[in-house]
Amino acid sequence: MKTILFISILTCSLVAGSISTSDASNYIGERKTVCGKVVSTHYAENSNGSPTFLNLDIPYPNNIFTAVIFGEYRNNFNQPENYYKYKSICVKGKISEYRGTPQIVVRTKSQIKTK
């Protein structure tokens, strides 16, 4: 019973104070937790920095928020483009912007929580 209560409290604390993907553009430069569903992914291993893109709520090319894992941090994950696809997640970190789309650069697994 204590374990279930702890998990419930932990889940609520992760989501409490979180923002939606559609609101992320209002918080550029701030540290926030953004929650949504991973609807498209792409590992661009031959591109500069070998990024993995996790697009939340709306797929590329019309994506409204992206979690980006660069190649140097990819070893901290197990094929993130497959593992997180179609999962509801919360991403914690500093929101930046790339070509008009808000993003969080993810370096560690602790920055992503599945719901």
PDB file of N, CA and C in Angstrom:
ATOM      1  N   MET A   1       0.821  -1.188   0.000  1.00  0.00           N
ATOM      2  CA  MET A   1       0.000   0.000   0.000  1.00  0.00           C
ATOM      3  C   MET A   1       0.869   1.258   0.000  1.00  0.00           C
ATOM      4  N   LYS A   2       1.942   1.269   0.807  1.00  0.00           N
ATOM      5  CA  LYS A   2       2.829   2.428   0.850  1.00  0.00           C
ATOM      6  C   LYS A   2       3.477   2.668  -0.508  1.00  0.00           C
ATOM      7  N   THR A   3       3.829   1.593  -1.223  1.00  0.00           N
ATOM      8  CA  THR A   3       4.447   1.708  -2.536  1.00  0.00           C
ATOM      9  C   THR A   3       3.488   2.365  -3.518  1.00  0.00           C
ATOM     10  N   ILE A   4       2.234   1.955  -3.512  1.00  0.00           N
ATOM     11  CA  ILE A   4       1.243   2.528  -4.413  1.00  0.00           C
ATOM     12  C   ILE A   4       1.046   4.008  -4.113  1.00  0.00           C
ATOM     13  N   LEU A   5       0.970   4.363  -2.840  1.00  0.00           N
ATOM     14  CA  LEU A   5       0.817   5.755  -2.446  1.00  0.00           C
ATOM     15  C   LEU A   5       2.017   6.572  -2.893  1.00  0.00           C
ATOM     16  N   PHE A   6       3.220   6.048  -2.701  1.00  0.00           N
ATOM     17  CA  PHE A   6       4.439   6.748  -3.104  1.00  0.00           C
ATOM     18  C   PHE A   6       4.448   6.982  -4.608  1.00  0.00           C
ATOM     19  N   ILE A   7       4.097   5.968  -5.387  1.00  0.00           N
ATOM     20  CA  ILE A   7       4.073   6.089  -6.848  1.00  0.00           C
ATOM     21  C   ILE A   7       3.048   7.132  -7.268  1.00  0.00           C
ATOM     22  N   SER A   8       1.893   7.137  -6.636  1.00  0.00           N
ATOM     23  CA  SER A   8       0.859   8.119  -6.958  1.00  0.00           C
ATOM     24  C   SER A   8       1.332   9.535  -6.658  1.00  0.00           C
ATOM     25  N   ILE A   9       1.957   9.730  -5.517  1.00  0.00           N
ATOM     26  CA  ILE A   9       2.473  11.055  -5.144  1.00  0.00           C
ATOM     27  C   ILE A   9       3.571  11.481  -6.101  1.00  0.00           C
ATOM     28  N   LEU A  10       4.465  10.560  -6.438  1.00  0.00           N
ATOM     29  CA  LEU A  10       5.547  10.858  -7.362  1.00  0.00           C
ATOM     30  C   LEU A  10       5.004  11.258  -8.728  1.00  0.00           C
ATOM     31  N   THR A  11       4.035  10.512  -9.238  1.00  0.00           N
ATOM     32  CA  THR A  11       3.446  10.811 -10.539  1.00  0.00           C
ATOM     33  C   THR A  11       2.794  12.188 -10.527  1.00  0.00           C
ATOM     34  N   CYS A  12       2.044  12.491  -9.492  1.00  0.00           N
ATOM     35  CA  CYS A  12       1.385  13.795  -9.396  1.00  0.00           C
ATOM     36  C   CYS A  12       2.401  14.922  -9.308  1.00  0.00           C
ATOM     37  N   SER A  13       3.488  14.702  -8.583  1.00  0.00           N
ATOM     38  CA  SER A  13       4.489  15.758  -8.445  1.00  0.00           C
ATOM     39  C   SER A  13       5.229  15.999  -9.756  1.00  0.00           C
ATOM     40  N   LEU A  14       5.370  14.977 -10.578  1.00  0.00           N
ATOM     41  CA  LEU A  14       6.024  15.147 -11.868  1.00  0.00           C
ATOM     42  C   LEU A  14       5.154  15.950 -12.814  1.00  0.00           C
ATOM     43  N   VAL A  15       3.859  15.718 -12.771  1.00  0.00           N
ATOM     44  CA  VAL A  15       2.945  16.360 -13.690  1.00  0.00           C
ATOM     45  C   VAL A  15       2.474  17.713 -13.149  1.00  0.00           C
ATOM     46  N   ALA A  16       2.400  17.851 -11.821  1.00  0.00           N
ATOM     47  CA  ALA A  16       1.977  19.114 -11.234  1.00  0.00           C
ATOM     48  C   ALA A  16       2.917  20.217 -11.679  1.00  0.00           C
ATOM     49  N   GLY A  17       2.353  21.294 -12.152  1.00  0.00           N
ATOM     50  CA  GLY A  17       3.172  22.401 -12.612  1.00  0.00           C
ATOM     51  C   GLY A  17       3.713  22.219 -14.014  1.00  0.00           C
ATOM     52  N   SER A  18       3.327  21.150 -14.669  1.00  0.00           N
ATOM     53  CA  SER A  18       3.790  20.928 -16.033  1.00  0.00           C
ATOM     54  C   SER A  18       2.968  21.774 -16.998  1.00  0.00           C
ATOM     55  N   ILE A  19       3.501  21.947 -18.192  1.00  0.00           N
ATOM     56  CA  ILE A  19       2.804  22.708 -19.217  1.00  0.00           C
ATOM     57  C   ILE A  19       2.573  21.818 -20.432  1.00  0.00           C
ATOM     58  N   SER A  20       1.639  22.222 -21.261  1.00  0.00           N
ATOM     59  CA  SER A  20       1.347  21.472 -22.480  1.00  0.00           C
ATOM     60  C   SER A  20       2.322  21.860 -23.579  1.00  0.00           C
ATOM     61  N   THR A  21       2.386  21.047 -24.594  1.00  0.00           N
ATOM     62  CA  THR A  21       3.265  21.328 -25.729  1.00  0.00           C
ATOM     63  C   THR A  21       2.859  22.623 -26.422  1.00  0.00           C
ATOM     64  N   SER A  22       1.570  22.912 -26.456  1.00  0.00           N
ATOM     65  CA  SER A  22       1.097  24.129 -27.120  1.00  0.00           C
ATOM     66  C   SER A  22       1.453  25.392 -26.336  1.00  0.00           C
ATOM     67  N   ASP A  23       1.732  25.264 -25.045  1.00  0.00           N
ATOM     68  CA  ASP A  23       2.124  26.417 -24.226  1.00  0.00           C
ATOM     69  C   ASP A  23       3.640  26.609 -24.144  1.00  0.00           C
ATOM     70  N   ALA A  24       4.414  25.648 -24.598  1.00  0.00           N
ATOM     71  CA  ALA A  24       5.875  25.681 -24.430  1.00  0.00           C
ATOM     72  C   ALA A  24       6.518  26.920 -25.036  1.00  0.00           C
ATOM     73  N   SER A  25       5.989  27.415 -26.136  1.00  0.00           N
ATOM     74  CA  SER A  25       6.592  28.595 -26.781  1.00  0.00           C
ATOM     75  C   SER A  25       6.518  29.842 -25.904  1.00  0.00           C
ATOM     76  N   ASN A  26       5.654  29.833 -24.896  1.00  0.00           N
ATOM     77  CA  ASN A  26       5.536  30.965 -23.978  1.00  0.00           C
ATOM     78  C   ASN A  26       6.607  30.944 -22.887  1.00  0.00           C
ATOM     79  N   TYR A  27       7.422  29.893 -22.860  1.00  0.00           N
ATOM     80  CA  TYR A  27       8.395  29.719 -21.777  1.00  0.00           C
ATOM     81  C   TYR A  27       9.826  29.531 -22.274  1.00  0.00           C
ATOM     82  N   ILE A  28      10.144  30.060 -23.448  1.00  0.00           N
ATOM     83  CA  ILE A  28      11.501  29.951 -23.994  1.00  0.00           C
ATOM     84  C   ILE A  28      12.489  30.542 -22.985  1.00  0.00           C
ATOM     85  N   GLY A  29      13.546  29.801 -22.702  1.00  0.00           N
ATOM     86  CA  GLY A  29      14.577  30.246 -21.763  1.00  0.00           C
ATOM     87  C   GLY A  29      14.318  29.836 -20.325  1.00  0.00           C
ATOM     88  N   GLU A  30      13.164  29.234 -20.059  1.00  0.00           N
ATOM     89  CA  GLU A  30      12.821  28.819 -18.699  1.00  0.00           C
ATOM     90  C   GLU A  30      12.909  27.300 -18.562  1.00  0.00           C
ATOM     91  N   ARG A  31      13.143  26.864 -17.318  1.00  0.00           N
ATOM     92  CA  ARG A  31      13.162  25.433 -17.009  1.00  0.00           C
ATOM     93  C   ARG A  31      11.736  25.027 -16.670  1.00  0.00           C
ATOM     94  N   LYS A  32      11.199  24.080 -17.421  1.00  0.00           N
ATOM     95  CA  LYS A  32       9.827  23.617 -17.241  1.00  0.00           C
ATOM     96  C   LYS A  32       9.748  22.125 -17.500  1.00  0.00           C
ATOM     97  N   THR A  33       8.588  21.574 -17.177  1.00  0.00           N
ATOM     98  CA  THR A  33       8.262  20.198 -17.529  1.00  0.00           C
ATOM     99  C   THR A  33       7.141  20.260 -18.551  1.00  0.00           C
ATOM    100  N   VAL A  34       7.381  19.677 -19.718  1.00  0.00           N
ATOM    101  CA  VAL A  34       6.419  19.695 -20.817  1.00  0.00           C
ATOM    102  C   VAL A  34       5.917  18.266 -21.018  1.00  0.00           C
ATOM    103  N   CYS A  35       4.600  18.113 -21.049  1.00  0.00           N
ATOM    104  CA  CYS A  35       4.004  16.781 -21.183  1.00  0.00           C
ATOM    105  C   CYS A  35       3.208  16.659 -22.476  1.00  0.00           C
ATOM    106  N   GLY A  36       3.282  15.475 -23.073  1.00  0.00           N
ATOM    107  CA  GLY A  36       2.534  15.178 -24.291  1.00  0.00           C
ATOM    108  C   GLY A  36       2.804  13.760 -24.741  1.00  0.00           C
ATOM    109  N   LYS A  37       2.229  13.392 -25.877  1.00  0.00           N
ATOM    110  CA  LYS A  37       2.409  12.053 -26.428  1.00  0.00           C
ATOM    111  C   LYS A  37       3.402  12.101 -27.591  1.00  0.00           C
ATOM    112  N   VAL A  38       4.346  11.176 -27.589  1.00  0.00           N
ATOM    113  CA  VAL A  38       5.325  11.084 -28.677  1.00  0.00           C
ATOM    114  C   VAL A  38       4.605  10.485 -29.890  1.00  0.00           C
ATOM    115  N   VAL A  39       4.418  11.305 -30.919  1.00  0.00           N
ATOM    116  CA  VAL A  39       3.654  10.868 -32.096  1.00  0.00           C
ATOM    117  C   VAL A  39       4.536  10.623 -33.320  1.00  0.00           C
ATOM    118  N   SER A  40       5.763  11.137 -33.298  1.00  0.00           N
ATOM    119  CA  SER A  40       6.708  10.815 -34.367  1.00  0.00           C
ATOM    120  C   SER A  40       8.119  10.931 -33.818  1.00  0.00           C
ATOM    121  N   THR A  41       9.016  10.130 -34.378  1.00  0.00           N
ATOM    122  CA  THR A  41      10.417  10.121 -33.952  1.00  0.00           C
ATOM    123  C   THR A  41      11.313  10.011 -35.170  1.00  0.00           C
ATOM    124  N   HIS A  42      12.567  10.408 -34.978  1.00  0.00           N
ATOM    125  CA  HIS A  42      13.546  10.239 -36.057  1.00  0.00           C
ATOM    126  C   HIS A  42      14.950  10.286 -35.473  1.00  0.00           C
ATOM    127  N   TYR A  43      15.761   9.311 -35.837  1.00  0.00           N
ATOM    128  CA  TYR A  43      17.177   9.300 -35.479  1.00  0.00           C
ATOM    129  C   TYR A  43      17.951   9.703 -36.720  1.00  0.00           C
ATOM    130  N   ALA A  44      18.514  10.901 -36.708  1.00  0.00           N
ATOM    131  CA  ALA A  44      19.259  11.438 -37.853  1.00  0.00           C
ATOM    132  C   ALA A  44      20.747  11.211 -37.628  1.00  0.00           C
ATOM    133  N   GLU A  45      21.154   9.946 -37.656  1.00  0.00           N
ATOM    134  CA  GLU A  45      22.527   9.603 -37.289  1.00  0.00           C
ATOM    135  C   GLU A  45      23.570  10.200 -38.212  1.00  0.00           C
ATOM    136  N   ASN A  46      23.216  10.544 -39.441  1.00  0.00           N
ATOM    137  CA  ASN A  46      24.192  11.128 -40.370  1.00  0.00           C
ATOM    138  C   ASN A  46      24.161  12.649 -40.384  1.00  0.00           C
ATOM    139  N   SER A  47      23.301  13.253 -39.585  1.00  0.00           N
ATOM    140  CA  SER A  47      23.231  14.715 -39.493  1.00  0.00           C
ATOM    141  C   SER A  47      24.212  15.224 -38.440  1.00  0.00           C
ATOM    142  N   ASN A  48      24.504  16.503 -38.475  1.00  0.00           N
ATOM    143  CA  ASN A  48      25.398  17.130 -37.519  1.00  0.00           C
ATOM    144  C   ASN A  48      24.889  16.896 -36.093  1.00  0.00           C
ATOM    145  N   GLY A  49      25.690  16.281 -35.249  1.00  0.00           N
ATOM    146  CA  GLY A  49      25.317  15.999 -33.864  1.00  0.00           C
ATOM    147  C   GLY A  49      24.531  14.720 -33.667  1.00  0.00           C
ATOM    148  N   SER A  50      24.197  14.033 -34.749  1.00  0.00           N
ATOM    149  CA  SER A  50      23.444  12.777 -34.713  1.00  0.00           C
ATOM    150  C   SER A  50      22.237  12.836 -33.767  1.00  0.00           C
ATOM    151  N   PRO A  51      21.335  13.795 -33.996  1.00  0.00           N
ATOM    152  CA  PRO A  51      20.217  13.948 -33.070  1.00  0.00           C
ATOM    153  C   PRO A  51      19.119  12.900 -33.234  1.00  0.00           C
ATOM    154  N   THR A  52      18.439  12.637 -32.138  1.00  0.00           N
ATOM    155  CA  THR A  52      17.204  11.857 -32.134  1.00  0.00           C
ATOM    156  C   THR A  52      16.105  12.827 -31.760  1.00  0.00           C
ATOM    157  N   PHE A  53      15.058  12.856 -32.562  1.00  0.00           N
ATOM    158  CA  PHE A  53      13.947  13.772 -32.339  1.00  0.00           C
ATOM    159  C   PHE A  53      12.725  13.002 -31.846  1.00  0.00           C
ATOM    160  N   LEU A  54      12.150  13.475 -30.749  1.00  0.00           N
ATOM    161  CA  LEU A  54      10.896  12.940 -30.232  1.00  0.00           C
ATOM    162  C   LEU A  54       9.892  14.077 -30.320  1.00  0.00           C
ATOM    163  N   ASN A  55       8.972  13.989 -31.276  1.00  0.00           N
ATOM    164  CA  ASN A  55       7.988  15.048 -31.497  1.00  0.00           C
ATOM    165  C   ASN A  55       6.718  14.725 -30.729  1.00  0.00           C
ATOM    166  N   LEU A  56       6.279  15.671 -29.913  1.00  0.00           N
ATOM    167  CA  LEU A  56       5.127  15.453 -29.052  1.00  0.00           C
ATOM    168  C   LEU A  56       3.860  16.089 -29.620  1.00  0.00           C
ATOM    169  N   ASP A  57       2.786  15.352 -29.560  1.00  0.00           N
ATOM    170  CA  ASP A  57       1.406  15.753 -29.885  1.00  0.00           C
ATOM    171  C   ASP A  57       1.097  15.966 -31.357  1.00  0.00           C
ATOM    172  N   ILE A  58       1.986  16.588 -32.101  1.00  0.00           N
ATOM    173  CA  ILE A  58       1.767  16.786 -33.537  1.00  0.00           C
ATOM    174  C   ILE A  58       3.041  16.339 -34.263  1.00  0.00           C
ATOM    175  N   PRO A  59       2.914  15.444 -35.259  1.00  0.00           N
ATOM    176  CA  PRO A  59       4.112  14.907 -35.919  1.00  0.00           C
ATOM    177  C   PRO A  59       4.817  15.924 -36.815  1.00  0.00           C
ATOM    178  N   TYR A  60       6.103  15.653 -37.048  1.00  0.00           N
ATOM    179  CA  TYR A  60       6.899  16.407 -38.003  1.00  0.00           C
ATOM    180  C   TYR A  60       6.237  16.262 -39.372  1.00  0.00           C
ATOM    181  N   PRO A  61       6.164  17.278 -40.187  1.00  0.00           N
ATOM    182  CA  PRO A  61       6.847  18.567 -40.151  1.00  0.00           C
ATOM    183  C   PRO A  61       6.055  19.690 -39.470  1.00  0.00           C
ATOM    184  N   ASN A  62       4.903  19.393 -38.913  1.00  0.00           N
ATOM    185  CA  ASN A  62       4.087  20.424 -38.261  1.00  0.00           C
ATOM    186  C   ASN A  62       4.224  20.394 -36.744  1.00  0.00           C
ATOM    187  N   ASN A  63       5.271  19.744 -36.249  1.00  0.00           N
ATOM    188  CA  ASN A  63       5.470  19.555 -34.809  1.00  0.00           C
ATOM    189  C   ASN A  63       5.463  20.887 -34.061  1.00  0.00           C
ATOM    190  N   ILE A  64       4.945  20.828 -32.812  1.00  0.00           N
ATOM    191  CA  ILE A  64       4.864  22.033 -31.987  1.00  0.00           C
ATOM    192  C   ILE A  64       5.810  21.971 -30.791  1.00  0.00           C
ATOM    193  N   PHE A  65       6.399  20.801 -30.538  1.00  0.00           N
ATOM    194  CA  PHE A  65       7.387  20.648 -29.470  1.00  0.00           C
ATOM    195  C   PHE A  65       8.215  19.401 -29.740  1.00  0.00           C
ATOM    196  N   THR A  66       9.529  19.506 -29.495  1.00  0.00           N
ATOM    197  CA  THR A  66      10.433  18.387 -29.723  1.00  0.00           C
ATOM    198  C   THR A  66      11.383  18.204 -28.548  1.00  0.00           C
ATOM    199  N   ALA A  67      11.555  16.966 -28.130  1.00  0.00           N
ATOM    200  CA  ALA A  67      12.627  16.597 -27.205  1.00  0.00           C
ATOM    201  C   ALA A  67      13.770  16.099 -28.087  1.00  0.00           C
ATOM    202  N   VAL A  68      14.960  16.650 -27.904  1.00  0.00           N
ATOM    203  CA  VAL A  68      16.109  16.317 -28.751  1.00  0.00           C
ATOM    204  C   VAL A  68      17.182  15.647 -27.916  1.00  0.00           C
ATOM    205  N   ILE A  69      17.650  14.498 -28.394  1.00  0.00           N
ATOM    206  CA  ILE A  69      18.750  13.778 -27.750  1.00  0.00           C
ATOM    207  C   ILE A  69      19.894  13.731 -28.758  1.00  0.00           C
ATOM    208  N   PHE A  70      20.967  14.458 -28.473  1.00  0.00           N
ATOM    209  CA  PHE A  70      22.109  14.446 -29.389  1.00  0.00           C
ATOM    210  C   PHE A  70      22.926  13.171 -29.210  1.00  0.00           C
ATOM    211  N   GLY A  71      23.665  12.827 -30.248  1.00  0.00           N
ATOM    212  CA  GLY A  71      24.427  11.588 -30.288  1.00  0.00           C
ATOM    213  C   GLY A  71      25.339  11.371 -29.093  1.00  0.00           C
ATOM    214  N   GLU A  72      25.927  12.443 -28.569  1.00  0.00           N
ATOM    215  CA  GLU A  72      26.843  12.294 -27.432  1.00  0.00           C
ATOM    216  C   GLU A  72      26.130  11.806 -26.175  1.00  0.00           C
ATOM    217  N   TYR A  73      24.799  11.964 -26.120  1.00  0.00           N
ATOM    218  CA  TYR A  73      24.026  11.512 -24.962  1.00  0.00           C
ATOM    219  C   TYR A  73      23.207  10.256 -25.261  1.00  0.00           C
ATOM    220  N   ARG A  74      23.259   9.808 -26.490  1.00  0.00           N
ATOM    221  CA  ARG A  74      22.434   8.676 -26.923  1.00  0.00           C
ATOM    222  C   ARG A  74      22.722   7.404 -26.130  1.00  0.00           C
ATOM    223  N   ASN A  75      23.964   7.214 -25.676  1.00  0.00           N
ATOM    224  CA  ASN A  75      24.314   6.020 -24.890  1.00  0.00           C
ATOM    225  C   ASN A  75      23.581   5.966 -23.554  1.00  0.00           C
ATOM    226  N   ASN A  76      23.011   7.103 -23.119  1.00  0.00           N
ATOM    227  CA  ASN A  76      22.240   7.122 -21.878  1.00  0.00           C
ATOM    228  C   ASN A  76      20.841   6.533 -22.062  1.00  0.00           C
ATOM    229  N   PHE A  77      20.498   6.209 -23.301  1.00  0.00           N
ATOM    230  CA  PHE A  77      19.170   5.711 -23.651  1.00  0.00           C
ATOM    231  C   PHE A  77      19.299   4.421 -24.451  1.00  0.00           C
ATOM    232  N   ASN A  78      18.205   3.706 -24.562  1.00  0.00           N
ATOM    233  CA  ASN A  78      18.165   2.481 -25.349  1.00  0.00           C
ATOM    234  C   ASN A  78      17.242   2.707 -26.540  1.00  0.00           C
ATOM    235  N   GLN A  79      17.802   3.066 -27.679  1.00  0.00           N
ATOM    236  CA  GLN A  79      17.039   3.360 -28.888  1.00  0.00           C
ATOM    237  C   GLN A  79      15.811   4.212 -28.577  1.00  0.00           C
ATOM    238  N   PRO A  80      16.017   5.462 -28.168  1.00  0.00           N
ATOM    239  CA  PRO A  80      14.895   6.308 -27.731  1.00  0.00           C
ATOM    240  C   PRO A  80      13.821   6.505 -28.795  1.00  0.00           C
ATOM    241  N   GLU A  81      14.196   6.476 -30.069  1.00  0.00           N
ATOM    242  CA  GLU A  81      13.209   6.657 -31.134  1.00  0.00           C
ATOM    243  C   GLU A  81      12.189   5.519 -31.168  1.00  0.00           C
ATOM    244  N   ASN A  82      12.582   4.360 -30.667  1.00  0.00           N
ATOM    245  CA  ASN A  82      11.658   3.224 -30.588  1.00  0.00           C
ATOM    246  C   ASN A  82      11.003   3.116 -29.210  1.00  0.00           C
ATOM    247  N   TYR A  83      11.791   3.312 -28.175  1.00  0.00           N
ATOM    248  CA  TYR A  83      11.305   3.133 -26.810  1.00  0.00           C
ATOM    249  C   TYR A  83      10.179   4.111 -26.459  1.00  0.00           C
ATOM    250  N   TYR A  84      10.327   5.390 -26.819  1.00  0.00           N
ATOM    251  CA  TYR A  84       9.354   6.394 -26.424  1.00  0.00           C
ATOM    252  C   TYR A  84       8.206   6.595 -27.417  1.00  0.00           C
ATOM    253  N   LYS A  85       8.327   6.052 -28.624  1.00  0.00           N
ATOM    254  CA  LYS A  85       7.303   6.267 -29.645  1.00  0.00           C
ATOM    255  C   LYS A  85       5.938   5.799 -29.152  1.00  0.00           C
ATOM    256  N   TYR A  86       4.965   6.666 -29.293  1.00  0.00           N
ATOM    257  CA  TYR A  86       3.555   6.449 -28.912  1.00  0.00           C
ATOM    258  C   TYR A  86       3.315   6.430 -27.406  1.00  0.00           C
ATOM    259  N   LYS A  87       4.315   6.801 -26.609  1.00  0.00           N
ATOM    260  CA  LYS A  87       4.128   6.874 -25.159  1.00  0.00           C
ATOM    261  C   LYS A  87       3.835   8.321 -24.756  1.00  0.00           C
ATOM    262  N   SER A  88       3.062   8.465 -23.701  1.00  0.00           N
ATOM    263  CA  SER A  88       2.853   9.778 -23.092  1.00  0.00           C
ATOM    264  C   SER A  88       4.006  10.011 -22.135  1.00  0.00           C
ATOM    265  N   ILE A  89       4.673  11.162 -22.301  1.00  0.00           N
ATOM    266  CA  ILE A  89       5.856  11.454 -21.496  1.00  0.00           C
ATOM    267  C   ILE A  89       5.814  12.892 -20.979  1.00  0.00           C
ATOM    268  N   CYS A  90       6.642  13.148 -19.981  1.00  0.00           N
ATOM    269  CA  CYS A  90       6.922  14.501 -19.514  1.00  0.00           C
ATOM    270  C   CYS A  90       8.427  14.701 -19.625  1.00  0.00           C
ATOM    271  N   VAL A  91       8.823  15.819 -20.203  1.00  0.00           N
ATOM    272  CA  VAL A  91      10.234  16.137 -20.423  1.00  0.00           C
ATOM    273  C   VAL A  91      10.580  17.373 -19.591  1.00  0.00           C
ATOM    274  N   LYS A  92      11.645  17.250 -18.808  1.00  0.00           N
ATOM    275  CA  LYS A  92      12.041  18.335 -17.908  1.00  0.00           C
ATOM    276  C   LYS A  92      13.353  18.943 -18.377  1.00  0.00           C
ATOM    277  N   GLY A  93      13.398  20.276 -18.433  1.00  0.00           N
ATOM    278  CA  GLY A  93      14.632  20.949 -18.811  1.00  0.00           C
ATOM    279  C   GLY A  93      14.372  22.365 -19.268  1.00  0.00           C
ATOM    280  N   LYS A  94      15.415  22.994 -19.773  1.00  0.00           N
ATOM    281  CA  LYS A  94      15.322  24.373 -20.252  1.00  0.00           C
ATOM    282  C   LYS A  94      14.756  24.372 -21.670  1.00  0.00           C
ATOM    283  N   ILE A  95      13.708  25.142 -21.867  1.00  0.00           N
ATOM    284  CA  ILE A  95      13.081  25.224 -23.188  1.00  0.00           C
ATOM    285  C   ILE A  95      13.859  26.216 -24.043  1.00  0.00           C
ATOM    286  N   SER A  96      14.280  25.737 -25.202  1.00  0.00           N
ATOM    287  CA  SER A  96      14.932  26.600 -26.186  1.00  0.00           C
ATOM    288  C   SER A  96      14.080  26.544 -27.451  1.00  0.00           C
ATOM    289  N   GLU A  97      14.568  27.175 -28.493  1.00  0.00           N
ATOM    290  CA  GLU A  97      13.807  27.211 -29.732  1.00  0.00           C
ATOM    291  C   GLU A  97      14.748  26.923 -30.890  1.00  0.00           C
ATOM    292  N   TYR A  98      14.299  26.112 -31.829  1.00  0.00           N
ATOM    293  CA  TYR A  98      15.076  25.836 -33.031  1.00  0.00           C
ATOM    294  C   TYR A  98      14.148  25.983 -34.229  1.00  0.00           C
ATOM    295  N   ARG A  99      14.471  26.932 -35.089  1.00  0.00           N
ATOM    296  CA  ARG A  99      13.664  27.215 -36.273  1.00  0.00           C
ATOM    297  C   ARG A  99      12.185  27.407 -35.938  1.00  0.00           C
ATOM    298  N   GLY A 100      11.935  28.129 -34.854  1.00  0.00           N
ATOM    299  CA  GLY A 100      10.573  28.466 -34.475  1.00  0.00           C
ATOM    300  C   GLY A 100       9.826  27.429 -33.662  1.00  0.00           C
ATOM    301  N   THR A 101      10.450  26.293 -33.399  1.00  0.00           N
ATOM    302  CA  THR A 101       9.799  25.225 -32.635  1.00  0.00           C
ATOM    303  C   THR A 101      10.448  25.084 -31.268  1.00  0.00           C
ATOM    304  N   PRO A 102       9.656  25.117 -30.203  1.00  0.00           N
ATOM    305  CA  PRO A 102      10.219  24.920 -28.862  1.00  0.00           C
ATOM    306  C   PRO A 102      10.769  23.500 -28.705  1.00  0.00           C
ATOM    307  N   GLN A 103      11.845  23.397 -27.933  1.00  0.00           N
ATOM    308  CA  GLN A 103      12.468  22.086 -27.705  1.00  0.00           C
ATOM    309  C   GLN A 103      13.154  22.068 -26.355  1.00  0.00           C
ATOM    310  N   ILE A 104      13.383  20.866 -25.872  1.00  0.00           N
ATOM    311  CA  ILE A 104      14.243  20.652 -24.722  1.00  0.00           C
ATOM    312  C   ILE A 104      15.312  19.661 -25.145  1.00  0.00           C
ATOM    313  N   VAL A 105      16.574  20.009 -24.905  1.00  0.00           N
ATOM    314  CA  VAL A 105      17.672  19.087 -25.173  1.00  0.00           C
ATOM    315  C   VAL A 105      17.785  18.168 -23.960  1.00  0.00           C
ATOM    316  N   VAL A 106      17.696  16.879 -24.230  1.00  0.00           N
ATOM    317  CA  VAL A 106      17.695  15.861 -23.181  1.00  0.00           C
ATOM    318  C   VAL A 106      19.059  15.192 -23.126  1.00  0.00           C
ATOM    319  N   ARG A 107      19.620  15.127 -21.915  1.00  0.00           N
ATOM    320  CA  ARG A 107      20.943  14.529 -21.746  1.00  0.00           C
ATOM    321  C   ARG A 107      20.898  13.234 -20.919  1.00  0.00           C
ATOM    322  N   THR A 108      19.917  13.138 -20.011  1.00  0.00           N
ATOM    323  CA  THR A 108      19.825  11.970 -19.141  1.00  0.00           C
ATOM    324  C   THR A 108      18.400  11.408 -19.113  1.00  0.00           C
ATOM    325  N   LYS A 109      18.301  10.138 -18.799  1.00  0.00           N
ATOM    326  CA  LYS A 109      16.991   9.481 -18.706  1.00  0.00           C
ATOM    327  C   LYS A 109      16.102  10.139 -17.662  1.00  0.00           C
ATOM    328  N   SER A 110      16.712  10.699 -16.617  1.00  0.00           N
ATOM    329  CA  SER A 110      15.922  11.300 -15.547  1.00  0.00           C
ATOM    330  C   SER A 110      15.123  12.520 -16.020  1.00  0.00           C
ATOM    331  N   GLN A 111      15.451  13.053 -17.186  1.00  0.00           N
ATOM    332  CA  GLN A 111      14.717  14.195 -17.729  1.00  0.00           C
ATOM    333  C   GLN A 111      13.402  13.779 -18.390  1.00  0.00           C
ATOM    334  N   ILE A 112      13.236  12.483 -18.664  1.00  0.00           N
ATOM    335  CA  ILE A 112      12.018  11.998 -19.320  1.00  0.00           C
ATOM    336  C   ILE A 112      11.314  11.016 -18.391  1.00  0.00           C
ATOM    337  N   LYS A 113      10.053  11.286 -18.131  1.00  0.00           N
ATOM    338  CA  LYS A 113       9.225  10.382 -17.330  1.00  0.00           C
ATOM    339  C   LYS A 113       8.049   9.928 -18.183  1.00  0.00           C
ATOM    340  N   THR A 114       7.790   8.652 -18.207  1.00  0.00           N
ATOM    341  CA  THR A 114       6.607   8.146 -18.907  1.00  0.00           C
ATOM    342  C   THR A 114       5.424   8.215 -17.969  1.00  0.00           C
ATOM    343  N   LYS A 115       4.278   8.480 -18.542  1.00  0.00           N
ATOM    344  CA  LYS A 115       3.058   8.605 -17.740  1.00  0.00           C
ATOM    345  C   LYS A 115       2.243   7.332 -17.827  1.00  0.00           C
TER     346      LYS A 115
END
